[in-house]
Amino acid sequence: MTLRFAYNTNGAANHRLDDALHLIKAAGYDGVALTLDIHHLDPFAETWAAEAGRVASLLERLELTCVIETGARFLLDPNAKHEPTLVTADAAGRARRVGFLKRAVEIGAMLSAEAVSFWAGVPKPGVDHDEARRWLEEGLHEVVTFATESGVVPCLEPEPGMLIETLDDYAALDVPGLKLALDTGHCLVTGEREPAAAVREFADRIGTVAIEDMTRGSHVHLPFGEGDMDVPGVLEALEEIGFGKLICVELSRESHRADVMIPQALDYLRGCRRPGPVLAGKQETRRQWQ
């Protein structure tokens, strides 16, 4: 089967959204992972609905499909990165996060998104983890119900350091309808599973996939060829399970050279699918990016 690739706009943060979308299209991607942010379809702007409609029209003209991402750093609170979350002690803060995720679902429906991806959050010191888990499941049930009614696939991403950190943490949740947002690099960070094995094990629960390079034990998104990720192995596993949705490249630290990284990342992924010595190509790609 033919795998379909997207590029995450959090790796094009120095570009206007329209310019980023045109770059992604010109490089040959099938879609975009759109991280809602203050300058990329701000979900809290007064004109958010009109802007969502405009972006939907642009995506249609460019023949790009999309996934909605919700990991913007300071969108909800300019003074605290990623806060508030679904496990914030303040009930009003948790409600603000739920409201944001519902808005992301609304935008996802308008853009005919394949999925909306989100994570749990990090409990602050002093917060009881059982209590945090209760808050989390309450919020997840509300968001998943809203997404299901809206015809949007809700996906939770296990994130290193968060309350839901591993695939086992995700699997232990009792939230019917909640799909998995699998970031394959995170498997290398937590050391829980090899990324390709995770793809095969959770094949029937995956709603969206992110891919990048990472070194084992270090949560730093790296360009392909600079870490320990067996990219060809992951792509092979995705082919085996018949994964037809977007595979999203997430290089959030590469915005300063997005013009170069957007096409090079796709060239690398395409090169991984050609017969021949992958290692040689990997080494050559590393030299090009240094």
Protein backbone atom coordinates (compact mmCIF):
# COMPACT_ATOMS: atom_id res chain seq x y z
CA MET A 1 0.00 0.00 0.00
CA THR A 2 1.02 3.64 -0.40
CA LEU A 3 1.74 5.40 2.88
CA ARG A 4 0.51 8.98 3.30
CA PHE A 5 2.64 11.64 4.97
CA ALA A 6 1.95 14.99 6.64
CA TYR A 7 4.12 17.69 8.22
CA ASN A 8 3.28 19.31 11.56
CA THR A 9 2.95 23.10 11.50
CA ASN A 10 4.66 23.31 14.90
CA GLY A 11 7.80 22.79 12.82
CA ALA A 12 6.95 25.84 10.72
CA ALA A 13 6.19 28.26 13.54
CA ASN A 14 8.07 31.12 11.88
CA HIS A 15 5.89 30.92 8.78
CA ARG A 16 2.41 32.28 8.22
CA LEU A 17 -0.02 29.38 8.11
CA ASP A 18 -0.82 29.84 4.43
CA ASP A 19 2.87 29.95 3.54
CA ALA A 20 3.51 26.80 5.58
CA LEU A 21 0.66 24.97 3.85
CA HIS A 22 1.98 25.94 0.44
CA LEU A 23 5.47 24.73 1.40
CA ILE A 24 4.05 21.43 2.60
CA LYS A 25 2.06 20.99 -0.59
CA ALA A 26 5.00 21.91 -2.82
CA ALA A 27 7.18 19.32 -1.09
CA GLY A 28 4.70 16.60 -2.01
CA TYR A 29 2.99 15.76 1.29
CA ASP A 30 -0.51 14.32 1.39
CA GLY A 31 -1.62 16.39 4.35
CA VAL A 32 -0.78 18.56 7.33
CA ALA A 33 -0.81 18.12 11.09
CA LEU A 34 -2.20 21.52 12.07
CA THR A 35 -1.16 22.61 15.57
CA LEU A 36 -3.69 25.25 16.59
CA ASP A 37 -1.75 28.23 17.93
CA ILE A 38 -1.84 31.98 18.39
CA HIS A 39 -0.77 32.57 14.79
CA HIS A 40 -1.96 29.33 13.19
CA LEU A 41 -5.79 29.36 13.27
CA ASP A 42 -6.10 30.75 16.80
CA PRO A 43 -9.08 28.89 18.30
CA PHE A 44 -9.75 31.75 20.74
CA ALA A 45 -9.83 34.55 18.16
CA GLU A 46 -13.20 36.23 17.66
CA THR A 47 -13.06 35.25 14.00
CA TRP A 48 -12.03 31.62 14.59
CA ALA A 49 -15.01 30.14 12.73
CA ALA A 50 -14.49 32.28 9.66
CA GLU A 51 -10.77 31.50 9.70
CA ALA A 52 -11.48 27.78 10.01
CA GLY A 53 -13.76 28.01 7.00
CA ARG A 54 -11.08 29.85 5.04
CA VAL A 55 -8.41 27.30 5.95
CA ALA A 56 -10.76 24.46 5.05
CA SER A 57 -11.19 25.98 1.60
CA LEU A 58 -7.43 26.39 1.21
CA LEU A 59 -6.78 22.77 2.21
CA GLU A 60 -9.36 21.65 -0.32
CA ARG A 61 -7.73 23.70 -3.09
CA LEU A 62 -4.32 22.33 -2.17
CA GLU A 63 -5.72 18.79 -1.93
CA LEU A 64 -4.30 18.36 1.58
CA THR A 65 -6.03 16.39 4.31
CA CYS A 66 -5.31 17.12 7.96
CA VAL A 67 -5.00 16.08 11.57
CA ILE A 68 -5.65 18.63 14.33
CA GLU A 69 -2.96 18.88 17.01
CA THR A 70 -3.41 20.66 20.35
CA GLY A 71 0.07 20.88 21.85
CA ALA A 72 0.66 24.63 21.54
CA ARG A 73 2.80 25.82 24.43
CA PHE A 74 1.24 29.09 25.61
CA LEU A 75 -2.17 29.16 23.94
CA LEU A 76 -4.19 28.83 27.14
CA ASP A 77 -1.86 30.58 29.60
CA PRO A 78 0.92 32.98 28.49
CA ASN A 79 2.65 32.53 31.86
CA ALA A 80 2.76 28.72 32.12
CA LYS A 81 3.76 26.33 29.35
CA HIS A 82 1.03 23.81 28.42
CA GLU A 83 -1.19 24.88 31.33
CA PRO A 84 -3.93 24.35 32.33
CA THR A 85 -4.37 20.65 31.52
CA LEU A 86 -6.86 17.87 32.14
CA VAL A 87 -5.03 17.13 35.43
CA THR A 88 -4.72 20.69 36.75
CA ALA A 89 -5.96 20.94 40.35
CA ASP A 90 -8.05 24.03 39.61
CA ALA A 91 -11.46 22.94 38.27
CA ALA A 92 -11.86 26.12 36.24
CA GLY A 93 -8.50 25.43 34.61
CA ARG A 94 -9.52 21.90 33.70
CA ALA A 95 -12.75 23.24 32.25
CA ARG A 96 -10.76 25.69 30.14
CA ARG A 97 -8.71 22.81 28.72
CA VAL A 98 -11.86 20.78 28.00
CA GLY A 99 -13.36 23.82 26.28
CA PHE A 100 -10.28 24.20 24.13
CA LEU A 101 -10.35 20.53 23.14
CA LYS A 102 -14.03 20.84 22.21
CA ARG A 103 -13.18 23.87 20.08
CA ALA A 104 -10.41 21.83 18.43
CA VAL A 105 -13.01 19.16 17.66
CA GLU A 106 -15.29 21.79 16.13
CA ILE A 107 -12.44 23.00 13.95
CA GLY A 108 -11.57 19.41 13.10
CA ALA A 109 -15.12 18.83 11.90
CA MET A 110 -14.98 21.97 9.75
CA LEU A 111 -11.68 20.86 8.21
CA SER A 112 -12.80 17.22 7.78
CA ALA A 113 -9.81 16.21 9.91
CA GLU A 114 -8.87 12.56 10.20
CA ALA A 115 -8.38 12.95 13.95
CA VAL A 116 -7.88 15.39 16.82
CA SER A 117 -4.88 14.60 19.02
CA PHE A 118 -4.31 15.69 22.63
CA TRP A 119 -2.50 14.61 25.80
CA ALA A 120 -3.19 14.34 29.54
CA GLY A 121 -0.84 16.82 31.20
CA VAL A 122 1.62 16.74 34.09
CA PRO A 123 0.25 16.66 37.67
CA LYS A 124 1.80 19.43 39.75
CA PRO A 125 3.74 18.58 42.93
CA GLY A 126 1.37 17.72 45.74
CA VAL A 127 -1.42 16.51 43.47
CA ASP A 128 -2.58 12.99 44.31
CA HIS A 129 -2.21 10.82 41.20
CA ASP A 130 -5.42 8.90 41.86
CA GLU A 131 -7.28 12.19 42.08
CA ALA A 132 -5.55 13.41 38.91
CA ARG A 133 -6.57 10.24 37.13
CA ARG A 134 -10.19 10.81 38.14
CA TRP A 135 -10.05 14.36 36.77
CA LEU A 136 -8.47 13.07 33.60
CA GLU A 137 -11.10 10.43 32.95
CA GLU A 138 -13.90 12.91 33.62
CA GLY A 139 -12.44 15.30 31.07
CA LEU A 140 -11.76 12.55 28.56
CA HIS A 141 -15.32 11.24 28.73
CA GLU A 142 -16.65 14.75 28.07
CA VAL A 143 -14.32 15.38 25.13
CA VAL A 144 -14.80 11.94 23.59
CA THR A 145 -18.58 12.21 23.80
CA PHE A 146 -18.47 15.61 22.11
CA ALA A 147 -16.07 14.36 19.42
CA THR A 148 -18.17 11.28 18.69
CA GLU A 149 -21.28 13.41 18.30
CA SER A 150 -19.31 15.69 15.96
CA GLY A 151 -18.03 12.83 13.79
CA VAL A 152 -14.40 13.44 14.76
CA VAL A 153 -11.92 10.78 15.94
CA PRO A 154 -10.48 11.72 19.39
CA CYS A 155 -6.95 10.44 20.07
CA LEU A 156 -4.89 10.54 23.27
CA GLU A 157 -1.12 10.76 22.95
CA PRO A 158 1.01 9.18 25.70
CA GLU A 159 3.67 11.79 26.41
CA PRO A 160 6.92 11.28 28.36
CA GLY A 161 6.62 12.81 31.83
CA MET A 162 2.84 13.16 31.75
CA LEU A 163 0.22 11.25 33.74
CA ILE A 164 -0.42 9.10 30.67
CA GLU A 165 3.17 8.43 29.68
CA THR A 166 3.24 4.95 28.16
CA LEU A 167 1.10 2.79 25.93
CA ASP A 168 0.23 0.68 28.95
CA ASP A 169 -1.04 3.83 30.69
CA TYR A 170 -3.24 4.51 27.67
CA ALA A 171 -4.48 0.90 27.52
CA ALA A 172 -5.51 1.04 31.20
CA LEU A 173 -7.94 3.91 30.60
CA ASP A 174 -11.63 3.06 30.55
CA VAL A 175 -12.85 5.57 27.98
CA PRO A 176 -14.76 3.93 25.12
CA GLY A 177 -14.17 5.58 21.76
CA LEU A 178 -10.79 7.05 22.70
CA LYS A 179 -8.21 6.17 20.06
CA LEU A 180 -4.41 6.22 20.37
CA ALA A 181 -2.23 9.01 19.02
CA LEU A 182 1.01 7.07 18.64
CA ASP A 183 4.19 9.13 18.58
CA THR A 184 6.68 6.45 17.62
CA GLY A 185 9.64 8.42 18.97
CA HIS A 186 8.19 8.40 22.47
CA CYS A 187 8.68 4.64 22.60
CA LEU A 188 12.42 5.26 22.43
CA VAL A 189 12.22 7.82 25.23
CA THR A 190 10.32 5.63 27.69
CA GLY A 191 11.99 2.40 26.56
CA GLU A 192 8.68 0.55 26.86
CA ARG A 193 8.56 -1.01 23.38
CA GLU A 194 10.30 -0.81 20.06
CA PRO A 195 8.32 1.60 17.85
CA ALA A 196 7.56 -0.96 15.14
CA ALA A 197 6.35 -3.43 17.77
CA ALA A 198 4.05 -0.75 19.20
CA VAL A 199 2.52 -0.19 15.76
CA ARG A 200 1.72 -3.87 15.40
CA GLU A 201 0.47 -4.34 18.97
CA PHE A 202 -1.93 -1.38 18.90
CA ALA A 203 -2.92 -1.64 15.24
CA ASP A 204 -6.65 -1.71 15.93
CA ARG A 205 -6.56 1.29 18.28
CA ILE A 206 -4.34 3.76 16.42
CA GLY A 207 -6.11 6.93 15.27
CA THR A 208 -3.07 8.93 14.19
CA VAL A 209 0.71 8.46 14.05
CA ALA A 210 3.64 10.85 14.47
CA ILE A 211 7.16 10.05 13.35
CA GLU A 212 10.57 11.68 13.77
CA ASP A 213 14.01 10.62 14.94
CA MET A 214 14.96 10.43 18.63
CA THR A 215 17.76 9.01 20.71
CA ARG A 216 16.91 6.47 23.36
CA GLY A 217 16.00 8.04 26.68
CA SER A 218 15.99 11.65 25.42
CA HIS A 219 12.79 13.48 24.54
CA VAL A 220 14.18 15.63 21.74
CA HIS A 221 12.58 15.54 18.30
CA LEU A 222 15.40 15.14 15.78
CA PRO A 223 15.61 15.21 11.98
CA PHE A 224 15.74 11.79 10.39
CA GLY A 225 19.18 10.24 10.47
CA GLU A 226 20.28 11.91 13.72
CA GLY A 227 18.88 9.45 16.27
CA ASP A 228 18.13 5.81 16.98
CA MET A 229 14.79 5.43 15.20
CA ASP A 230 14.47 2.49 12.83
CA VAL A 231 12.40 4.50 10.37
CA PRO A 232 12.24 1.81 7.67
CA GLY A 233 11.07 -0.69 10.30
CA VAL A 234 8.29 1.61 11.48
CA LEU A 235 7.13 2.28 7.93
CA GLU A 236 7.16 -1.44 7.20
CA ALA A 237 5.01 -2.08 10.28
CA LEU A 238 2.55 0.62 9.20
CA GLU A 239 2.30 -1.00 5.79
CA GLU A 240 1.73 -4.39 7.39
CA ILE A 241 -1.26 -3.17 9.41
CA GLY A 242 -2.71 -1.35 6.40
CA PHE A 243 -2.47 2.10 8.00
CA GLY A 244 -4.09 4.45 5.51
CA LYS A 245 -4.21 7.66 7.56
CA LEU A 246 -1.64 10.42 7.69
CA ILE A 247 1.79 9.71 9.20
CA CYS A 248 2.78 13.07 10.67
CA VAL A 249 6.37 14.32 10.75
CA GLU A 250 6.88 16.30 13.97
CA LEU A 251 10.03 18.40 14.04
CA SER A 252 9.00 21.12 16.46
CA ARG A 253 12.56 22.39 16.97
CA GLU A 254 13.23 22.95 13.27
CA SER A 255 11.10 26.01 12.50
CA HIS A 256 14.19 28.12 11.85
CA ARG A 257 14.94 25.98 8.79
CA ALA A 258 11.50 24.74 7.85
CA ASP A 259 12.05 25.72 4.22
CA VAL A 260 14.81 23.09 4.06
CA MET A 261 13.48 20.54 6.54
CA ILE A 262 9.98 20.17 5.09
CA PRO A 263 11.15 18.76 1.73
CA GLN A 264 14.17 16.91 3.13
CA ALA A 265 12.10 15.01 5.68
CA LEU A 266 9.78 13.71 2.97
CA ASP A 267 12.70 12.84 0.71
CA TYR A 268 14.13 10.77 3.56
CA LEU A 269 10.86 8.94 4.16
CA ARG A 270 10.46 8.19 0.49
CA GLY A 271 14.06 6.99 0.33
CA CYS A 272 13.38 4.56 3.15
CA ARG A 273 10.90 2.77 0.94
CA ARG A 274 13.32 2.18 -1.94
CA PRO A 275 15.31 -1.06 -2.14
CA GLY A 276 18.95 -0.68 -1.28
CA PRO A 277 21.29 0.00 1.65
CA VAL A 278 19.30 2.19 4.04
CA LEU A 279 22.26 2.86 6.30
CA ALA A 280 24.26 4.56 3.55
CA GLY A 281 21.36 6.85 2.80
CA LYS A 282 20.94 7.59 6.50
CA GLN A 283 24.56 8.60 6.85
CA GLU A 284 24.39 10.81 3.77
CA THR A 285 21.24 12.53 5.07
CA ARG A 286 22.99 13.19 8.38
CA ARG A 287 25.85 14.92 6.54
CA GLN A 288 23.40 17.08 4.57
CA TRP A 289 21.68 18.33 7.75
CA GLN A 290 24.78 19.05 9.79
